[in-house]
Amino acid sequence: MNDLQQEITQLIIDTLNLEDVTVADIPPEQPLFGEGLGLDSVDALELALALQKRYDIRIASDSKDARQHFTTVASLAAFVQSQRDACAK
């Protein structure tokens, strides 16, 4: 797990008040919704707001890609990195 993935995992834990869950408990490729971590749509909204604040990025809720970005910690990290790279240009 790289640094950005660890940061995002900790952000998920803190934002959603996941008690008794550590960064090591959430592998980067584990699904965040359904059979994985079990998050729901309310959790997704809270997480999206936290990501926007923390990383100063925009997440369009009507984007067809938004659901893909929130699949796993790894996909979220890739999305955040792509947003950072786009802003750096």
Protein backbone atom coordinates (compact mmCIF):
# COMPACT_ATOMS: atom_id res chain seq x y z
CA MET A 1 0.00 0.00 0.00
CA ASN A 2 1.48 3.34 -1.00
CA ASP A 3 1.34 6.55 1.06
CA LEU A 4 -1.67 8.01 -0.75
CA GLN A 5 -3.62 4.76 -0.32
CA GLN A 6 -2.80 4.77 3.39
CA GLU A 7 -3.92 8.40 3.72
CA ILE A 8 -7.20 7.67 1.96
CA THR A 9 -7.80 4.56 4.03
CA GLN A 10 -7.27 6.57 7.23
CA LEU A 11 -9.57 9.28 5.87
CA ILE A 12 -12.28 6.64 5.30
CA ILE A 13 -11.87 5.33 8.85
CA ASP A 14 -11.93 8.82 10.39
CA THR A 15 -14.73 10.25 8.23
CA LEU A 16 -17.06 7.30 8.68
CA ASN A 17 -16.16 6.68 12.33
CA LEU A 18 -15.26 3.05 11.68
CA GLU A 19 -14.49 1.91 15.20
CA ASP A 20 -12.11 -1.01 15.70
CA VAL A 21 -10.95 -0.76 12.06
CA THR A 22 -7.32 -0.03 11.19
CA VAL A 23 -5.60 0.83 7.93
CA ALA A 24 -4.27 -2.74 7.81
CA ASP A 25 -7.86 -4.05 7.91
CA ILE A 26 -8.73 -2.47 4.56
CA PRO A 27 -6.63 -3.82 1.67
CA PRO A 28 -6.32 -1.41 -1.31
CA GLU A 29 -8.20 -3.79 -3.63
CA GLN A 30 -11.07 -4.62 -1.22
CA PRO A 31 -14.44 -3.39 -2.52
CA LEU A 32 -15.72 -0.49 -0.45
CA PHE A 33 -19.39 -1.26 -1.06
CA GLY A 34 -21.51 -4.40 -0.88
CA GLU A 35 -19.64 -7.54 0.10
CA GLY A 36 -16.45 -5.59 0.82
CA LEU A 37 -16.35 -2.93 3.52
CA GLY A 38 -20.14 -2.58 3.33
CA LEU A 39 -20.40 1.17 2.76
CA ASP A 40 -23.65 2.68 1.48
CA SER A 41 -24.67 5.74 -0.54
CA VAL A 42 -24.70 8.03 2.52
CA ASP A 43 -21.14 6.91 3.30
CA ALA A 44 -20.19 7.67 -0.31
CA LEU A 45 -21.47 11.24 0.01
CA GLU A 46 -19.63 11.81 3.28
CA LEU A 47 -16.46 10.33 1.81
CA ALA A 48 -16.74 12.43 -1.36
CA LEU A 49 -17.01 15.61 0.72
CA ALA A 50 -14.03 14.60 2.85
CA LEU A 51 -11.92 13.83 -0.23
CA GLN A 52 -12.85 17.17 -1.83
CA LYS A 53 -11.85 19.06 1.33
CA ARG A 54 -8.67 17.13 2.00
CA TYR A 55 -7.27 17.03 -1.53
CA ASP A 56 -8.95 20.12 -3.02
CA ILE A 57 -10.43 18.13 -5.88
CA ARG A 58 -13.81 18.13 -7.62
CA ILE A 59 -15.95 15.01 -7.76
CA ALA A 60 -18.94 15.40 -10.03
CA SER A 61 -21.81 13.39 -8.56
CA ASP A 62 -23.40 13.03 -11.98
CA SER A 63 -20.20 11.70 -13.52
CA LYS A 64 -20.49 8.24 -15.02
CA ASP A 65 -17.00 7.53 -13.71
CA ALA A 66 -17.73 8.48 -10.08
CA ARG A 67 -18.96 5.01 -9.21
CA GLN A 68 -15.78 3.47 -10.66
CA HIS A 69 -13.59 5.85 -8.66
CA PHE A 70 -15.22 4.71 -5.42
CA THR A 71 -14.82 0.99 -6.06
CA THR A 72 -11.69 0.45 -3.92
CA VAL A 73 -9.08 2.44 -2.02
CA ALA A 74 -6.72 1.81 -4.93
CA SER A 75 -9.18 3.29 -7.44
CA LEU A 76 -9.79 6.30 -5.19
CA ALA A 77 -6.04 6.87 -4.87
CA ALA A 78 -5.62 6.66 -8.64
CA PHE A 79 -8.42 9.19 -9.10
CA VAL A 80 -6.98 11.61 -6.54
CA GLN A 81 -3.54 11.31 -8.13
CA SER A 82 -4.97 11.96 -11.60
CA GLN A 83 -6.73 15.08 -10.28
CA ARG A 84 -3.49 16.28 -8.67
CA ASP A 85 -1.58 15.66 -11.89
CA ALA A 86 -4.19 17.55 -13.93
CA CYS A 87 -3.96 20.55 -11.58
CA ALA A 88 -0.17 20.54 -11.75
CA LYS A 89 -0.19 21.05 -15.53
